[in-house]
């Protein structure tokens, strides 16, 4: 059942992406989240210069008819940005990510080691080469950068 949910998200992302390419080609759809099948669609967008509020408004107006039965939220990807396209993974080589793979019940935190034509090579953080595994792009359900708060350790120490 969950697989069908993610297939619907990808189908919606393809439709929204097609609309944006024709009217706002400088903006790309990073990810679409279907939060509840009958409720809200969240669309994460990006462009080379970064996203402004005006961009979110323009995208909302451009894609409103694509999602007539849903509440629509358009946002920048934020600091823990989603990774979907091979180019996204190439930019994240060496970084930690939270990856949910089709057929697995939970997401795992792994490091992006390299990117191949068919998928992304990942390994548990601090693991050896023997622990690497290739995750085909078609099996990536969700993937987001993991950004640790540099002040979290300071705050925790200060709270003791």
N, C-alpha and C. Protein backbone atom coordinates (compact mmCIF):
# COMPACT_ATOMS: atom_id res chain seq x y z
N UNK A 1 0.82 -1.20 0.00
CA UNK A 1 0.00 0.00 0.00
C UNK A 1 0.86 1.26 0.00
N UNK A 2 1.93 1.26 0.83
CA UNK A 2 2.80 2.43 0.88
C UNK A 2 3.45 2.67 -0.48
N UNK A 3 3.78 1.59 -1.18
CA UNK A 3 4.41 1.74 -2.49
C UNK A 3 3.48 2.51 -3.43
N UNK A 4 2.20 2.21 -3.41
CA UNK A 4 1.24 2.92 -4.26
C UNK A 4 1.21 4.41 -3.90
N UNK A 5 1.31 4.72 -2.63
CA UNK A 5 1.33 6.10 -2.17
C UNK A 5 2.50 6.85 -2.82
N UNK A 6 3.68 6.24 -2.80
CA UNK A 6 4.87 6.89 -3.37
C UNK A 6 4.78 6.95 -4.89
N UNK A 7 4.15 5.98 -5.50
CA UNK A 7 3.94 6.03 -6.95
C UNK A 7 3.03 7.22 -7.30
N UNK A 8 2.00 7.44 -6.50
CA UNK A 8 1.11 8.58 -6.72
C UNK A 8 1.87 9.90 -6.56
N UNK A 9 2.76 9.97 -5.58
CA UNK A 9 3.57 11.18 -5.41
C UNK A 9 4.43 11.43 -6.64
N UNK A 10 5.05 10.39 -7.15
CA UNK A 10 5.92 10.55 -8.33
C UNK A 10 5.11 10.95 -9.56
N UNK A 11 3.93 10.36 -9.71
CA UNK A 11 3.07 10.73 -10.84
C UNK A 11 2.68 12.20 -10.75
N UNK A 12 2.33 12.64 -9.55
CA UNK A 12 1.96 14.04 -9.33
C UNK A 12 3.17 14.95 -9.56
N UNK A 13 4.34 14.52 -9.13
CA UNK A 13 5.55 15.31 -9.36
C UNK A 13 5.81 15.46 -10.86
N UNK A 14 5.61 14.39 -11.62
CA UNK A 14 5.80 14.47 -13.07
C UNK A 14 4.82 15.46 -13.71
N UNK A 15 3.56 15.42 -13.28
CA UNK A 15 2.55 16.34 -13.84
C UNK A 15 2.87 17.78 -13.49
N UNK A 16 3.22 18.03 -12.22
CA UNK A 16 3.54 19.39 -11.78
C UNK A 16 4.80 19.87 -12.49
N UNK A 17 5.80 19.01 -12.60
CA UNK A 17 7.04 19.37 -13.28
C UNK A 17 6.80 19.76 -14.72
N UNK A 18 5.91 19.04 -15.41
CA UNK A 18 5.61 19.36 -16.81
C UNK A 18 4.97 20.74 -16.93
N UNK A 19 4.07 21.07 -16.00
CA UNK A 19 3.43 22.39 -16.03
C UNK A 19 4.48 23.47 -15.79
N UNK A 20 5.35 23.28 -14.79
CA UNK A 20 6.35 24.31 -14.48
C UNK A 20 7.36 24.48 -15.60
N UNK A 21 7.76 23.41 -16.25
CA UNK A 21 8.72 23.54 -17.35
C UNK A 21 8.18 24.42 -18.47
N UNK A 22 6.85 24.41 -18.64
CA UNK A 22 6.28 25.21 -19.72
C UNK A 22 6.06 26.68 -19.33
N UNK A 23 5.82 26.97 -18.05
CA UNK A 23 5.53 28.35 -17.67
C UNK A 23 6.62 29.01 -16.81
N UNK A 24 7.35 28.23 -16.05
CA UNK A 24 8.43 28.76 -15.19
C UNK A 24 9.65 27.84 -15.31
N UNK A 25 10.30 27.83 -16.47
CA UNK A 25 11.35 26.84 -16.71
C UNK A 25 12.57 26.97 -15.80
N UNK A 26 12.77 28.11 -15.18
CA UNK A 26 13.92 28.29 -14.30
C UNK A 26 13.72 27.63 -12.93
N UNK A 27 12.49 27.20 -12.64
CA UNK A 27 12.17 26.58 -11.36
C UNK A 27 11.95 25.09 -11.57
N UNK A 28 12.57 24.30 -10.69
CA UNK A 28 12.37 22.85 -10.82
C UNK A 28 11.69 22.30 -9.56
N UNK A 29 10.95 21.24 -9.76
CA UNK A 29 10.30 20.56 -8.66
C UNK A 29 11.32 19.61 -8.05
N UNK A 30 11.63 19.79 -6.77
CA UNK A 30 12.58 18.93 -6.08
C UNK A 30 11.87 17.69 -5.58
N UNK A 31 10.70 17.88 -4.99
CA UNK A 31 9.96 16.74 -4.45
C UNK A 31 8.50 17.14 -4.22
N UNK A 32 7.63 16.15 -4.30
CA UNK A 32 6.22 16.34 -3.98
C UNK A 32 5.87 15.34 -2.89
N UNK A 33 5.24 15.82 -1.82
CA UNK A 33 4.77 14.94 -0.74
C UNK A 33 3.26 15.01 -0.70
N UNK A 34 2.66 13.87 -0.79
CA UNK A 34 1.21 13.73 -0.67
C UNK A 34 0.96 13.33 0.78
N UNK A 35 0.66 14.34 1.61
CA UNK A 35 0.60 14.12 3.05
C UNK A 35 -0.59 13.28 3.48
N UNK A 36 -1.69 13.42 2.81
CA UNK A 36 -2.87 12.59 3.02
C UNK A 36 -3.54 12.54 1.66
N UNK A 37 -3.92 11.37 1.19
CA UNK A 37 -4.45 11.28 -0.17
C UNK A 37 -5.56 12.26 -0.50
N UNK A 38 -6.29 12.75 0.49
CA UNK A 38 -7.40 13.67 0.19
C UNK A 38 -7.17 15.06 0.78
N UNK A 39 -6.00 15.29 1.33
CA UNK A 39 -5.79 16.55 2.04
C UNK A 39 -4.78 17.47 1.38
N UNK A 40 -3.51 17.37 1.76
CA UNK A 40 -2.52 18.38 1.39
C UNK A 40 -1.40 17.82 0.51
N UNK A 41 -1.02 18.60 -0.48
CA UNK A 41 0.14 18.31 -1.32
C UNK A 41 1.18 19.37 -1.02
N UNK A 42 2.39 18.93 -0.66
CA UNK A 42 3.50 19.85 -0.45
C UNK A 42 4.46 19.71 -1.62
N UNK A 43 4.77 20.83 -2.25
CA UNK A 43 5.65 20.86 -3.41
C UNK A 43 6.90 21.64 -3.02
N UNK A 44 8.06 20.97 -3.07
CA UNK A 44 9.33 21.63 -2.80
C UNK A 44 9.96 22.02 -4.12
N UNK A 45 10.34 23.30 -4.23
CA UNK A 45 10.87 23.82 -5.48
C UNK A 45 12.24 24.44 -5.24
N UNK A 46 13.01 24.57 -6.33
CA UNK A 46 14.31 25.21 -6.22
C UNK A 46 14.70 25.81 -7.56
N UNK A 47 15.66 26.70 -7.52
CA UNK A 47 16.24 27.27 -8.73
C UNK A 47 17.65 27.72 -8.35
N UNK A 48 18.46 28.00 -9.35
CA UNK A 48 19.88 28.31 -9.14
C UNK A 48 20.09 29.45 -8.16
N UNK A 49 19.26 30.48 -8.24
CA UNK A 49 19.42 31.66 -7.38
C UNK A 49 18.77 31.51 -6.01
N UNK A 50 18.16 30.37 -5.76
CA UNK A 50 17.42 30.19 -4.51
C UNK A 50 15.96 30.59 -4.69
N UNK A 51 15.14 30.25 -3.75
CA UNK A 51 13.70 30.48 -3.84
C UNK A 51 13.31 31.69 -3.00
N UNK A 52 12.46 32.52 -3.59
CA UNK A 52 11.89 33.68 -2.89
C UNK A 52 10.40 33.44 -2.69
N UNK A 53 9.79 34.22 -1.86
CA UNK A 53 8.35 34.12 -1.62
C UNK A 53 7.57 34.28 -2.92
N UNK A 54 8.02 35.20 -3.78
CA UNK A 54 7.34 35.43 -5.06
C UNK A 54 7.35 34.18 -5.94
N UNK A 55 8.42 33.40 -5.85
CA UNK A 55 8.50 32.15 -6.61
C UNK A 55 7.44 31.16 -6.13
N UNK A 56 7.28 31.06 -4.82
CA UNK A 56 6.27 30.15 -4.26
C UNK A 56 4.87 30.57 -4.71
N UNK A 57 4.63 31.87 -4.70
CA UNK A 57 3.32 32.37 -5.16
C UNK A 57 3.09 32.05 -6.64
N UNK A 58 4.10 32.29 -7.47
CA UNK A 58 3.97 32.03 -8.91
C UNK A 58 3.72 30.55 -9.18
N UNK A 59 4.43 29.69 -8.47
CA UNK A 59 4.25 28.25 -8.65
C UNK A 59 2.86 27.83 -8.19
N UNK A 60 2.42 28.36 -7.07
CA UNK A 60 1.08 28.03 -6.57
C UNK A 60 0.02 28.36 -7.62
N UNK A 61 0.10 29.53 -8.21
CA UNK A 61 -0.87 29.92 -9.24
C UNK A 61 -0.75 29.05 -10.48
N UNK A 62 0.49 28.71 -10.86
CA UNK A 62 0.70 27.93 -12.08
C UNK A 62 0.19 26.49 -11.97
N UNK A 63 0.27 25.90 -10.76
CA UNK A 63 -0.08 24.48 -10.63
C UNK A 63 -1.41 24.23 -9.93
N UNK A 64 -2.11 25.28 -9.53
CA UNK A 64 -3.36 25.12 -8.79
C UNK A 64 -4.31 24.14 -9.46
N UNK A 65 -4.47 24.22 -10.78
CA UNK A 65 -5.40 23.34 -11.49
C UNK A 65 -4.90 21.91 -11.58
N UNK A 66 -3.62 21.68 -11.32
CA UNK A 66 -3.06 20.33 -11.35
C UNK A 66 -3.48 19.54 -10.11
N UNK A 67 -3.80 20.23 -9.03
CA UNK A 67 -4.17 19.60 -7.76
C UNK A 67 -5.48 20.17 -7.24
N UNK A 68 -6.57 20.08 -8.00
CA UNK A 68 -7.80 20.77 -7.59
C UNK A 68 -8.45 20.21 -6.34
N UNK A 69 -8.18 18.95 -5.99
CA UNK A 69 -8.85 18.33 -4.85
C UNK A 69 -8.01 18.37 -3.57
N UNK A 70 -6.90 19.11 -3.59
CA UNK A 70 -6.00 19.12 -2.45
C UNK A 70 -5.68 20.54 -2.02
N UNK A 71 -5.40 20.68 -0.73
CA UNK A 71 -4.78 21.92 -0.25
C UNK A 71 -3.35 21.89 -0.78
N UNK A 72 -2.83 23.03 -1.14
CA UNK A 72 -1.54 23.09 -1.80
C UNK A 72 -0.57 23.94 -0.98
N UNK A 73 0.61 23.41 -0.75
CA UNK A 73 1.66 24.14 -0.04
C UNK A 73 2.91 24.09 -0.91
N UNK A 74 3.51 25.24 -1.20
CA UNK A 74 4.72 25.32 -2.01
C UNK A 74 5.81 25.92 -1.14
N UNK A 75 6.99 25.29 -1.16
CA UNK A 75 8.06 25.71 -0.25
C UNK A 75 9.43 25.49 -0.88
N UNK A 76 10.41 26.17 -0.34
CA UNK A 76 11.79 25.87 -0.70
C UNK A 76 12.16 24.55 -0.01
N UNK A 77 13.20 23.88 -0.48
CA UNK A 77 13.52 22.58 0.11
C UNK A 77 14.12 22.67 1.51
N UNK A 78 14.61 23.82 1.90
CA UNK A 78 15.16 23.97 3.24
C UNK A 78 16.55 23.37 3.36
N UNK A 79 17.08 23.40 4.56
CA UNK A 79 18.46 22.95 4.79
C UNK A 79 18.60 21.43 4.68
N UNK A 80 17.59 20.69 5.11
CA UNK A 80 17.61 19.23 4.96
C UNK A 80 16.88 18.87 3.67
N UNK A 81 17.42 19.32 2.58
CA UNK A 81 16.79 19.24 1.27
C UNK A 81 16.61 17.79 0.81
N UNK A 82 15.50 17.55 0.12
CA UNK A 82 15.26 16.23 -0.46
C UNK A 82 16.23 15.97 -1.62
N UNK A 83 16.61 14.73 -1.79
CA UNK A 83 17.43 14.30 -2.91
C UNK A 83 16.59 13.35 -3.74
N UNK A 84 16.47 13.64 -5.02
CA UNK A 84 15.63 12.81 -5.88
C UNK A 84 16.34 12.45 -7.18
N UNK A 85 16.95 13.46 -7.80
CA UNK A 85 17.60 13.28 -9.10
C UNK A 85 19.06 12.87 -8.90
N UNK A 86 19.65 12.19 -9.90
CA UNK A 86 21.07 11.85 -9.79
C UNK A 86 21.96 13.05 -9.49
N UNK A 87 21.66 14.21 -10.07
CA UNK A 87 22.45 15.42 -9.80
C UNK A 87 22.38 15.81 -8.33
N UNK A 88 21.23 15.61 -7.69
CA UNK A 88 21.09 15.91 -6.26
C UNK A 88 22.04 15.04 -5.45
N UNK A 89 22.11 13.75 -5.81
CA UNK A 89 22.98 12.81 -5.09
C UNK A 89 24.45 13.13 -5.34
N UNK A 90 24.79 13.55 -6.57
CA UNK A 90 26.19 13.90 -6.87
C UNK A 90 26.65 15.07 -5.99
N UNK A 91 25.77 16.04 -5.77
CA UNK A 91 26.11 17.17 -4.91
C UNK A 91 26.26 16.75 -3.45
N UNK A 92 25.71 15.59 -3.09
CA UNK A 92 25.71 15.15 -1.70
C UNK A 92 26.76 14.08 -1.40
N UNK A 93 27.66 13.78 -2.34
CA UNK A 93 28.70 12.78 -2.07
C UNK A 93 29.49 13.22 -0.84
N UNK A 94 29.66 12.28 0.09
CA UNK A 94 30.35 12.56 1.34
C UNK A 94 29.44 13.01 2.46
N UNK A 95 28.19 13.32 2.14
CA UNK A 95 27.24 13.81 3.14
C UNK A 95 26.43 12.66 3.74
N UNK A 96 25.89 12.92 4.92
CA UNK A 96 24.97 11.97 5.54
C UNK A 96 23.56 12.27 5.07
N UNK A 97 22.79 11.21 4.82
CA UNK A 97 21.42 11.35 4.37
C UNK A 97 20.53 10.36 5.12
N UNK A 98 19.25 10.69 5.18
CA UNK A 98 18.25 9.76 5.72
C UNK A 98 17.54 9.18 4.51
N UNK A 99 17.75 7.89 4.28
CA UNK A 99 17.29 7.22 3.06
C UNK A 99 16.24 6.17 3.38
N UNK A 100 15.14 6.25 2.70
CA UNK A 100 14.08 5.22 2.80
C UNK A 100 14.04 4.51 1.46
N UNK A 101 14.28 3.22 1.50
CA UNK A 101 14.34 2.40 0.29
C UNK A 101 13.09 1.54 0.20
N UNK A 102 12.58 1.37 -1.01
CA UNK A 102 11.40 0.51 -1.23
C UNK A 102 11.69 -0.86 -0.64
N UNK A 103 10.70 -1.41 0.03
CA UNK A 103 10.82 -2.73 0.63
C UNK A 103 11.39 -2.73 2.03
N UNK A 104 11.81 -1.58 2.51
CA UNK A 104 12.33 -1.48 3.88
C UNK A 104 11.34 -0.68 4.71
N UNK A 105 11.17 -1.08 5.95
CA UNK A 105 10.16 -0.43 6.79
C UNK A 105 10.60 0.91 7.35
N UNK A 106 11.90 1.09 7.51
CA UNK A 106 12.38 2.32 8.12
C UNK A 106 13.47 2.96 7.28
N UNK A 107 13.60 4.25 7.47
CA UNK A 107 14.69 4.98 6.84
C UNK A 107 15.96 4.73 7.65
N UNK A 108 17.10 4.80 6.99
CA UNK A 108 18.37 4.65 7.69
C UNK A 108 19.26 5.84 7.36
N UNK A 109 20.11 6.19 8.30
CA UNK A 109 21.06 7.27 8.07
C UNK A 109 22.33 6.63 7.52
N UNK A 110 22.71 7.07 6.33
CA UNK A 110 23.87 6.53 5.64
C UNK A 110 24.66 7.68 5.03
N UNK A 111 25.85 7.37 4.56
CA UNK A 111 26.67 8.36 3.87
C UNK A 111 26.65 8.05 2.38
N UNK A 112 26.50 9.10 1.57
CA UNK A 112 26.55 8.94 0.12
C UNK A 112 28.03 8.80 -0.25
N UNK A 113 28.37 7.66 -0.86
CA UNK A 113 29.76 7.37 -1.19
C UNK A 113 30.07 7.77 -2.63
N UNK A 114 29.20 7.36 -3.56
CA UNK A 114 29.37 7.73 -4.96
C UNK A 114 28.04 7.54 -5.68
N UNK A 115 27.98 8.09 -6.88
CA UNK A 115 26.75 8.02 -7.67
C UNK A 115 27.09 7.34 -8.99
N UNK A 116 26.31 6.32 -9.32
CA UNK A 116 26.47 5.60 -10.58
C UNK A 116 25.27 5.89 -11.47
N UNK A 117 25.31 5.44 -12.69
CA UNK A 117 24.20 5.66 -13.61
C UNK A 117 22.90 5.07 -13.10
N UNK A 118 22.99 3.92 -12.43
CA UNK A 118 21.78 3.21 -12.02
C UNK A 118 21.32 3.52 -10.61
N UNK A 119 22.21 4.09 -9.79
CA UNK A 119 21.82 4.33 -8.41
C UNK A 119 22.89 5.02 -7.61
N UNK A 120 22.69 5.01 -6.32
CA UNK A 120 23.59 5.69 -5.40
C UNK A 120 24.23 4.65 -4.48
N UNK A 121 25.55 4.74 -4.34
CA UNK A 121 26.30 3.86 -3.45
C UNK A 121 26.32 4.52 -2.07
N UNK A 122 25.86 3.78 -1.07
CA UNK A 122 25.81 4.31 0.29
C UNK A 122 26.48 3.34 1.25
N UNK A 123 26.81 3.84 2.42
CA UNK A 123 27.39 3.01 3.47
C UNK A 123 26.99 3.59 4.81
N UNK A 124 26.85 2.73 5.81
CA UNK A 124 26.60 3.26 7.15
C UNK A 124 27.73 4.22 7.53
N UNK A 125 27.42 5.23 8.29
CA UNK A 125 28.41 6.24 8.67
C UNK A 125 29.56 5.55 9.41
N UNK A 126 30.78 5.80 8.94
CA UNK A 126 31.96 5.23 9.58
C UNK A 126 32.24 3.79 9.20
N UNK A 127 31.53 3.24 8.22
CA UNK A 127 31.68 1.84 7.84
C UNK A 127 32.87 1.65 6.90
N UNK A 128 33.18 0.39 6.66
CA UNK A 128 34.26 0.05 5.73
C UNK A 128 33.69 -0.12 4.32
N UNK A 129 34.59 -0.27 3.35
CA UNK A 129 34.16 -0.47 1.97
C UNK A 129 33.28 -1.70 1.82
N UNK A 130 33.48 -2.69 2.64
CA UNK A 130 32.70 -3.93 2.55
C UNK A 130 31.23 -3.71 2.90
N UNK A 131 30.92 -2.62 3.61
CA UNK A 131 29.55 -2.35 4.02
C UNK A 131 28.77 -1.51 3.02
N UNK A 132 29.40 -1.14 1.93
CA UNK A 132 28.72 -0.34 0.91
C UNK A 132 27.62 -1.15 0.24
N UNK A 133 26.59 -0.42 -0.21
CA UNK A 133 25.54 -1.08 -1.01
C UNK A 133 25.01 -0.08 -2.03
N UNK A 134 24.61 -0.62 -3.17
CA UNK A 134 24.06 0.21 -4.23
C UNK A 134 22.54 0.22 -4.10
N UNK A 135 21.97 1.41 -4.03
CA UNK A 135 20.53 1.57 -3.99
C UNK A 135 20.10 2.12 -5.35
N UNK A 136 19.36 1.31 -6.14
CA UNK A 136 18.90 1.82 -7.44
C UNK A 136 17.99 3.03 -7.24
N UNK A 137 18.12 4.00 -8.14
CA UNK A 137 17.30 5.21 -8.03
C UNK A 137 15.81 4.89 -7.97
N UNK A 138 15.36 3.87 -8.68
CA UNK A 138 13.94 3.53 -8.70
C UNK A 138 13.46 3.01 -7.34
N UNK A 139 14.39 2.61 -6.46
CA UNK A 139 14.02 2.12 -5.13
C UNK A 139 14.12 3.19 -4.04
N UNK A 140 14.56 4.40 -4.41
CA UNK A 140 14.64 5.48 -3.42
C UNK A 140 13.24 6.05 -3.24
N UNK A 141 12.68 5.82 -2.06
CA UNK A 141 11.35 6.32 -1.75
C UNK A 141 11.45 7.76 -1.27
N UNK A 142 12.33 8.00 -0.32
CA UNK A 142 12.59 9.34 0.19
C UNK A 142 14.06 9.41 0.58
N UNK A 143 14.62 10.58 0.39
CA UNK A 143 16.00 10.79 0.82
C UNK A 143 16.17 12.27 1.11
N UNK A 144 16.71 12.57 2.28
CA UNK A 144 16.95 13.97 2.66
C UNK A 144 18.32 14.08 3.31
N UNK A 145 18.96 15.23 3.09
CA UNK A 145 20.21 15.50 3.78
C UNK A 145 19.98 15.50 5.28
N UNK A 146 20.96 15.04 6.02
CA UNK A 146 20.92 15.12 7.48
C UNK A 146 21.90 16.21 7.88
N UNK A 147 21.38 17.26 8.46
CA UNK A 147 22.20 18.38 8.89
C UNK A 147 22.15 18.43 10.41
N UNK A 148 23.31 18.26 11.00
CA UNK A 148 23.35 18.33 12.46
C UNK A 148 23.48 19.77 12.89
N UNK A 149 22.78 20.11 13.92
CA UNK A 149 22.84 21.45 14.48
C UNK A 149 24.17 21.62 15.20
N UNK A 150 25.04 22.50 14.70
CA UNK A 150 26.35 22.65 15.34
C UNK A 150 26.25 23.17 16.77
N UNK A 151 25.11 23.75 17.11
CA UNK A 151 24.94 24.28 18.46
C UNK A 151 24.27 23.27 19.40
N UNK A 152 23.82 22.13 18.87
CA UNK A 152 23.11 21.15 19.70
C UNK A 152 24.02 20.64 20.80
N UNK A 153 25.26 20.32 20.48
CA UNK A 153 26.20 19.82 21.49
C UNK A 153 26.47 20.89 22.53
N UNK A 154 26.63 22.12 22.08
CA UNK A 154 26.88 23.23 23.02
C UNK A 154 25.66 23.39 23.93
N UNK A 155 24.47 23.38 23.34
CA UNK A 155 23.24 23.54 24.13
C UNK A 155 23.07 22.41 25.12
N UNK A 156 23.37 21.19 24.72
CA UNK A 156 23.23 20.05 25.61
C UNK A 156 24.23 20.13 26.76
N UNK A 157 25.47 20.54 26.45
CA UNK A 157 26.48 20.67 27.51
C UNK A 157 26.08 21.78 28.47
N UNK A 158 25.57 22.87 27.92
CA UNK A 158 25.18 23.99 28.77
C UNK A 158 24.00 23.69 29.65
N UNK A 159 23.16 22.70 29.25
CA UNK A 159 21.97 22.36 30.02
C UNK A 159 22.28 21.46 31.19
N UNK A 160 23.47 20.86 31.22
CA UNK A 160 23.81 19.93 32.30
C UNK A 160 24.08 20.61 33.58
